[in-house]
Amino acid sequence: VLYSINGESTCEVIDEKKVRYNEEVFSLTRATSLMLDVSYNVAPGLYWNYEGRRLRSIYNETYEIEE
């Protein structure tokens, strides 16, 4: 389960590309746009937490840029 940074929303990870948000299945990008009530795509990494950690942080640690 992912928790929004404002603590008001959650979404359940269904598979590697889909989440369940408000009882419907979407990409995490689309769920983020719906949560923020905007009509454009929003990169989700800054808006969701997993086990108390921001998704952006988890992503950056997982896909570290090697120089």
PDB file of N, CA and C in Angstrom:
ATOM      1  N   VAL A   1       0.845  -1.179   0.000  1.00  0.00           N
ATOM      2  CA  VAL A   1       0.000   0.000   0.000  1.00  0.00           C
ATOM      3  C   VAL A   1       0.886   1.236   0.000  1.00  0.00           C
ATOM      4  N   LEU A   2       0.531   2.186  -0.865  1.00  0.00           N
ATOM      5  CA  LEU A   2       1.218   3.469  -0.927  1.00  0.00           C
ATOM      6  C   LEU A   2       0.335   4.509  -0.250  1.00  0.00           C
ATOM      7  N   TYR A   3       0.966   5.442   0.451  1.00  0.00           N
ATOM      8  CA  TYR A   3       0.256   6.499   1.155  1.00  0.00           C
ATOM      9  C   TYR A   3       0.643   7.847   0.564  1.00  0.00           C
ATOM     10  N   SER A   4      -0.346   8.684   0.312  1.00  0.00           N
ATOM     11  CA  SER A   4      -0.046  10.020  -0.211  1.00  0.00           C
ATOM     12  C   SER A   4       0.686  10.825   0.853  1.00  0.00           C
ATOM     13  N   ILE A   5       1.464  11.791   0.413  1.00  0.00           N
ATOM     14  CA  ILE A   5       2.254  12.570   1.365  1.00  0.00           C
ATOM     15  C   ILE A   5       1.371  13.411   2.277  1.00  0.00           C
ATOM     16  N   ASN A   6       0.158  13.728   1.852  1.00  0.00           N
ATOM     17  CA  ASN A   6      -0.734  14.492   2.719  1.00  0.00           C
ATOM     18  C   ASN A   6      -1.508  13.580   3.674  1.00  0.00           C
ATOM     19  N   GLY A   7      -1.334  12.260   3.511  1.00  0.00           N
ATOM     20  CA  GLY A   7      -1.973  11.304   4.405  1.00  0.00           C
ATOM     21  C   GLY A   7      -3.453  11.096   4.163  1.00  0.00           C
ATOM     22  N   GLU A   8      -3.983  11.680   3.108  1.00  0.00           N
ATOM     23  CA  GLU A   8      -5.418  11.581   2.860  1.00  0.00           C
ATOM     24  C   GLU A   8      -5.809  10.484   1.880  1.00  0.00           C
ATOM     25  N   SER A   9      -4.846   9.948   1.129  1.00  0.00           N
ATOM     26  CA  SER A   9      -5.164   8.951   0.106  1.00  0.00           C
ATOM     27  C   SER A   9      -4.226   7.760   0.211  1.00  0.00           C
ATOM     28  N   THR A  10      -4.726   6.622  -0.254  1.00  0.00           N
ATOM     29  CA  THR A  10      -3.903   5.420  -0.363  1.00  0.00           C
ATOM     30  C   THR A  10      -4.172   4.780  -1.716  1.00  0.00           C
ATOM     31  N   CYS A  11      -3.240   3.957  -2.148  1.00  0.00           N
ATOM     32  CA  CYS A  11      -3.486   3.125  -3.309  1.00  0.00           C
ATOM     33  C   CYS A  11      -2.765   1.800  -3.092  1.00  0.00           C
ATOM     34  N   GLU A  12      -3.355   0.770  -3.637  1.00  0.00           N
ATOM     35  CA  GLU A  12      -2.828  -0.585  -3.501  1.00  0.00           C
ATOM     36  C   GLU A  12      -2.107  -0.965  -4.781  1.00  0.00           C
ATOM     37  N   VAL A  13      -0.880  -1.425  -4.660  1.00  0.00           N
ATOM     38  CA  VAL A  13      -0.125  -1.864  -5.822  1.00  0.00           C
ATOM     39  C   VAL A  13      -0.694  -3.202  -6.278  1.00  0.00           C
ATOM     40  N   ILE A  14      -1.116  -3.249  -7.544  1.00  0.00           N
ATOM     41  CA  ILE A  14      -1.708  -4.457  -8.124  1.00  0.00           C
ATOM     42  C   ILE A  14      -0.631  -5.290  -8.815  1.00  0.00           C
ATOM     43  N   ASP A  15       0.203  -4.634  -9.624  1.00  0.00           N
ATOM     44  CA  ASP A  15       1.329  -5.285 -10.281  1.00  0.00           C
ATOM     45  C   ASP A  15       2.373  -4.217 -10.577  1.00  0.00           C
ATOM     46  N   GLU A  16       3.356  -4.540 -11.376  1.00  0.00           N
ATOM     47  CA  GLU A  16       4.455  -3.592 -11.592  1.00  0.00           C
ATOM     48  C   GLU A  16       4.045  -2.327 -12.340  1.00  0.00           C
ATOM     49  N   LYS A  17       2.868  -2.315 -12.944  1.00  0.00           N
ATOM     50  CA  LYS A  17       2.443  -1.126 -13.696  1.00  0.00           C
ATOM     51  C   LYS A  17       1.091  -0.564 -13.284  1.00  0.00           C
ATOM     52  N   LYS A  18       0.408  -1.183 -12.342  1.00  0.00           N
ATOM     53  CA  LYS A  18      -0.949  -0.754 -11.999  1.00  0.00           C
ATOM     54  C   LYS A  18      -1.161  -0.675 -10.492  1.00  0.00           C
ATOM     55  N   VAL A  19      -2.026   0.275 -10.110  1.00  0.00           N
ATOM     56  CA  VAL A  19      -2.446   0.420  -8.718  1.00  0.00           C
ATOM     57  C   VAL A  19      -3.967   0.524  -8.680  1.00  0.00           C
ATOM     58  N   ARG A  20      -4.529   0.206  -7.526  1.00  0.00           N
ATOM     59  CA  ARG A  20      -5.958   0.394  -7.318  1.00  0.00           C
ATOM     60  C   ARG A  20      -6.118   1.666  -6.482  1.00  0.00           C
ATOM     61  N   TYR A  21      -6.822   2.639  -7.067  1.00  0.00           N
ATOM     62  CA  TYR A  21      -7.068   3.918  -6.410  1.00  0.00           C
ATOM     63  C   TYR A  21      -8.556   4.215  -6.511  1.00  0.00           C
ATOM     64  N   ASN A  22      -9.204   4.471  -5.394  1.00  0.00           N
ATOM     65  CA  ASN A  22     -10.659   4.712  -5.366  1.00  0.00           C
ATOM     66  C   ASN A  22     -11.429   3.602  -6.077  1.00  0.00           C
ATOM     67  N   GLU A  23     -11.035   2.376  -5.797  1.00  0.00           N
ATOM     68  CA  GLU A  23     -11.726   1.184  -6.313  1.00  0.00           C
ATOM     69  C   GLU A  23     -11.600   0.978  -7.819  1.00  0.00           C
ATOM     70  N   GLU A  24     -10.695   1.713  -8.480  1.00  0.00           N
ATOM     71  CA  GLU A  24     -10.450   1.522  -9.909  1.00  0.00           C
ATOM     72  C   GLU A  24      -8.960   1.307 -10.137  1.00  0.00           C
ATOM     73  N   VAL A  25      -8.617   0.657 -11.236  1.00  0.00           N
ATOM     74  CA  VAL A  25      -7.222   0.348 -11.540  1.00  0.00           C
ATOM     75  C   VAL A  25      -6.675   1.362 -12.546  1.00  0.00           C
ATOM     76  N   PHE A  26      -5.518   1.930 -12.192  1.00  0.00           N
ATOM     77  CA  PHE A  26      -4.860   2.947 -13.008  1.00  0.00           C
ATOM     78  C   PHE A  26      -3.353   2.736 -12.964  1.00  0.00           C
ATOM     79  N   SER A  27      -2.642   3.480 -13.813  1.00  0.00           N
ATOM     80  CA  SER A  27      -1.196   3.604 -13.620  1.00  0.00           C
ATOM     81  C   SER A  27      -0.995   4.513 -12.408  1.00  0.00           C
ATOM     82  N   LEU A  28       0.159   4.457 -11.792  1.00  0.00           N
ATOM     83  CA  LEU A  28       0.422   5.326 -10.650  1.00  0.00           C
ATOM     84  C   LEU A  28       0.441   6.792 -11.079  1.00  0.00           C
ATOM     85  N   THR A  29       0.897   7.054 -12.293  1.00  0.00           N
ATOM     86  CA  THR A  29       0.888   8.423 -12.807  1.00  0.00           C
ATOM     87  C   THR A  29      -0.543   8.958 -12.881  1.00  0.00           C
ATOM     88  N   ARG A  30      -1.452   8.164 -13.415  1.00  0.00           N
ATOM     89  CA  ARG A  30      -2.855   8.594 -13.525  1.00  0.00           C
ATOM     90  C   ARG A  30      -3.488   8.741 -12.148  1.00  0.00           C
ATOM     91  N   ALA A  31      -3.213   7.812 -11.242  1.00  0.00           N
ATOM     92  CA  ALA A  31      -3.753   7.908  -9.882  1.00  0.00           C
ATOM     93  C   ALA A  31      -3.263   9.178  -9.198  1.00  0.00           C
ATOM     94  N   THR A  32      -2.023   9.549  -9.448  1.00  0.00           N
ATOM     95  CA  THR A  32      -1.472  10.768  -8.857  1.00  0.00           C
ATOM     96  C   THR A  32      -2.192  11.995  -9.400  1.00  0.00           C
ATOM     97  N   SER A  33      -2.421  12.038 -10.698  1.00  0.00           N
ATOM     98  CA  SER A  33      -3.157  13.154 -11.298  1.00  0.00           C
ATOM     99  C   SER A  33      -4.567  13.253 -10.713  1.00  0.00           C
ATOM    100  N   LEU A  34      -5.225  12.121 -10.539  1.00  0.00           N
ATOM    101  CA  LEU A  34      -6.564  12.126  -9.948  1.00  0.00           C
ATOM    102  C   LEU A  34      -6.519  12.605  -8.502  1.00  0.00           C
ATOM    103  N   MET A  35      -5.537  12.129  -7.744  1.00  0.00           N
ATOM    104  CA  MET A  35      -5.419  12.528  -6.341  1.00  0.00           C
ATOM    105  C   MET A  35      -5.219  14.041  -6.228  1.00  0.00           C
ATOM    106  N   LEU A  36      -4.399  14.598  -7.126  1.00  0.00           N
ATOM    107  CA  LEU A  36      -4.106  16.028  -7.097  1.00  0.00           C
ATOM    108  C   LEU A  36      -5.179  16.867  -7.797  1.00  0.00           C
ATOM    109  N   ASP A  37      -6.130  16.190  -8.448  1.00  0.00           N
ATOM    110  CA  ASP A  37      -7.218  16.839  -9.170  1.00  0.00           C
ATOM    111  C   ASP A  37      -6.690  17.772 -10.259  1.00  0.00           C
ATOM    112  N   VAL A  38      -5.781  17.214 -11.079  1.00  0.00           N
ATOM    113  CA  VAL A  38      -5.248  17.956 -12.222  1.00  0.00           C
ATOM    114  C   VAL A  38      -5.486  17.149 -13.488  1.00  0.00           C
ATOM    115  N   SER A  39      -5.496  17.812 -14.636  1.00  0.00           N
ATOM    116  CA  SER A  39      -5.818  17.139 -15.894  1.00  0.00           C
ATOM    117  C   SER A  39      -4.579  16.718 -16.683  1.00  0.00           C
ATOM    118  N   TYR A  40      -3.391  16.883 -16.113  1.00  0.00           N
ATOM    119  CA  TYR A  40      -2.149  16.531 -16.793  1.00  0.00           C
ATOM    120  C   TYR A  40      -1.406  15.455 -16.011  1.00  0.00           C
ATOM    121  N   ASN A  41      -0.463  14.792 -16.670  1.00  0.00           N
ATOM    122  CA  ASN A  41       0.320  13.748 -16.016  1.00  0.00           C
ATOM    123  C   ASN A  41       1.299  14.356 -15.017  1.00  0.00           C
ATOM    124  N   VAL A  42       1.421  13.694 -13.888  1.00  0.00           N
ATOM    125  CA  VAL A  42       2.316  14.135 -12.821  1.00  0.00           C
ATOM    126  C   VAL A  42       3.216  12.973 -12.448  1.00  0.00           C
ATOM    127  N   ALA A  43       4.513  13.219 -12.402  1.00  0.00           N
ATOM    128  CA  ALA A  43       5.447  12.175 -11.947  1.00  0.00           C
ATOM    129  C   ALA A  43       5.119  11.848 -10.489  1.00  0.00           C
ATOM    130  N   PRO A  44       4.845  10.596 -10.186  1.00  0.00           N
ATOM    131  CA  PRO A  44       4.313  10.248  -8.867  1.00  0.00           C
ATOM    132  C   PRO A  44       5.327  10.183  -7.727  1.00  0.00           C
ATOM    133  N   GLY A  45       6.609  10.135  -8.020  1.00  0.00           N
ATOM    134  CA  GLY A  45       7.618   9.880  -6.996  1.00  0.00           C
ATOM    135  C   GLY A  45       7.621  10.810  -5.807  1.00  0.00           C
ATOM    136  N   LEU A  46       7.207  12.035  -5.985  1.00  0.00           N
ATOM    137  CA  LEU A  46       7.219  13.017  -4.893  1.00  0.00           C
ATOM    138  C   LEU A  46       5.942  13.008  -4.059  1.00  0.00           C
ATOM    139  N   TYR A  47       4.929  12.287  -4.510  1.00  0.00           N
ATOM    140  CA  TYR A  47       3.614  12.384  -3.885  1.00  0.00           C
ATOM    141  C   TYR A  47       3.172  11.158  -3.094  1.00  0.00           C
ATOM    142  N   TRP A  48       3.980  10.092  -3.129  1.00  0.00           N
ATOM    143  CA  TRP A  48       3.602   8.852  -2.447  1.00  0.00           C
ATOM    144  C   TRP A  48       4.740   8.339  -1.568  1.00  0.00           C
ATOM    145  N   ASN A  49       4.353   7.706  -0.473  1.00  0.00           N
ATOM    146  CA  ASN A  49       5.304   7.074   0.449  1.00  0.00           C
ATOM    147  C   ASN A  49       5.030   5.582   0.519  1.00  0.00           C
ATOM    148  N   TYR A  50       6.091   4.841   0.738  1.00  0.00           N
ATOM    149  CA  TYR A  50       5.992   3.403   0.997  1.00  0.00           C
ATOM    150  C   TYR A  50       6.816   3.119   2.238  1.00  0.00           C
ATOM    151  N   GLU A  51       6.172   2.560   3.244  1.00  0.00           N
ATOM    152  CA  GLU A  51       6.817   2.263   4.525  1.00  0.00           C
ATOM    153  C   GLU A  51       7.566   3.485   5.057  1.00  0.00           C
ATOM    154  N   GLY A  52       6.920   4.641   4.955  1.00  0.00           N
ATOM    155  CA  GLY A  52       7.473   5.868   5.500  1.00  0.00           C
ATOM    156  C   GLY A  52       8.545   6.541   4.657  1.00  0.00           C
ATOM    157  N   ARG A  53       8.801   6.026   3.478  1.00  0.00           N
ATOM    158  CA  ARG A  53       9.834   6.596   2.599  1.00  0.00           C
ATOM    159  C   ARG A  53       9.219   7.072   1.295  1.00  0.00           C
ATOM    160  N   ARG A  54       9.658   8.212   0.833  1.00  0.00           N
ATOM    161  CA  ARG A  54       9.183   8.788  -0.428  1.00  0.00           C
ATOM    162  C   ARG A  54       9.588   7.892  -1.588  1.00  0.00           C
ATOM    163  N   LEU A  55       8.676   7.645  -2.526  1.00  0.00           N
ATOM    164  CA  LEU A  55       8.978   6.791  -3.672  1.00  0.00           C
ATOM    165  C   LEU A  55      10.166   7.310  -4.470  1.00  0.00           C
ATOM    166  N   ARG A  56      10.312   8.601  -4.603  1.00  0.00           N
ATOM    167  CA  ARG A  56      11.442   9.180  -5.346  1.00  0.00           C
ATOM    168  C   ARG A  56      12.762   8.731  -4.728  1.00  0.00           C
ATOM    169  N   SER A  57      12.834   8.718  -3.417  1.00  0.00           N
ATOM    170  CA  SER A  57      14.047   8.289  -2.721  1.00  0.00           C
ATOM    171  C   SER A  57      14.340   6.814  -2.987  1.00  0.00           C
ATOM    172  N   ILE A  58      13.308   5.989  -2.916  1.00  0.00           N
ATOM    173  CA  ILE A  58      13.473   4.557  -3.183  1.00  0.00           C
ATOM    174  C   ILE A  58      13.937   4.345  -4.625  1.00  0.00           C
ATOM    175  N   TYR A  59      13.330   5.051  -5.556  1.00  0.00           N
ATOM    176  CA  TYR A  59      13.712   4.939  -6.967  1.00  0.00           C
ATOM    177  C   TYR A  59      15.174   5.332  -7.163  1.00  0.00           C
ATOM    178  N   ASN A  60      15.569   6.466  -6.597  1.00  0.00           N
ATOM    179  CA  ASN A  60      16.944   6.940  -6.770  1.00  0.00           C
ATOM    180  C   ASN A  60      17.967   5.969  -6.181  1.00  0.00           C
ATOM    181  N   GLU A  61      17.653   5.336  -5.077  1.00  0.00           N
ATOM    182  CA  GLU A  61      18.557   4.340  -4.493  1.00  0.00           C
ATOM    183  C   GLU A  61      18.628   3.082  -5.348  1.00  0.00           C
ATOM    184  N   THR A  62      17.508   2.702  -5.925  1.00  0.00           N
ATOM    185  CA  THR A  62      17.446   1.480  -6.731  1.00  0.00           C
ATOM    186  C   THR A  62      18.155   1.651  -8.066  1.00  0.00           C
ATOM    187  N   TYR A  63      17.996   2.810  -8.670  1.00  0.00           N
ATOM    188  CA  TYR A  63      18.572   3.062  -9.995  1.00  0.00           C
ATOM    189  C   TYR A  63      19.620   4.160  -9.920  1.00  0.00           C
ATOM    190  N   GLU A  64      20.609   3.918  -9.081  1.00  0.00           N
ATOM    191  CA  GLU A  64      21.686   4.878  -8.883  1.00  0.00           C
ATOM    192  C   GLU A  64      22.441   5.128 -10.181  1.00  0.00           C
ATOM    193  N   ILE A  65      22.751   6.364 -10.465  1.00  0.00           N
ATOM    194  CA  ILE A  65      23.516   6.715 -11.673  1.00  0.00           C
ATOM    195  C   ILE A  65      24.987   6.470 -11.392  1.00  0.00           C
ATOM    196  N   GLU A  66      25.590   5.645 -12.239  1.00  0.00           N
ATOM    197  CA  GLU A  66      27.010   5.366 -12.099  1.00  0.00           C
ATOM    198  C   GLU A  66      27.795   6.273 -13.030  1.00  0.00           C
ATOM    199  N   GLU A  67      28.875   6.840 -12.505  1.00  0.00           N
ATOM    200  CA  GLU A  67      29.699   7.720 -13.331  1.00  0.00           C
ATOM    201  C   GLU A  67      30.966   7.041 -13.733  1.00  0.00           C
TER     202      GLU A  67
END
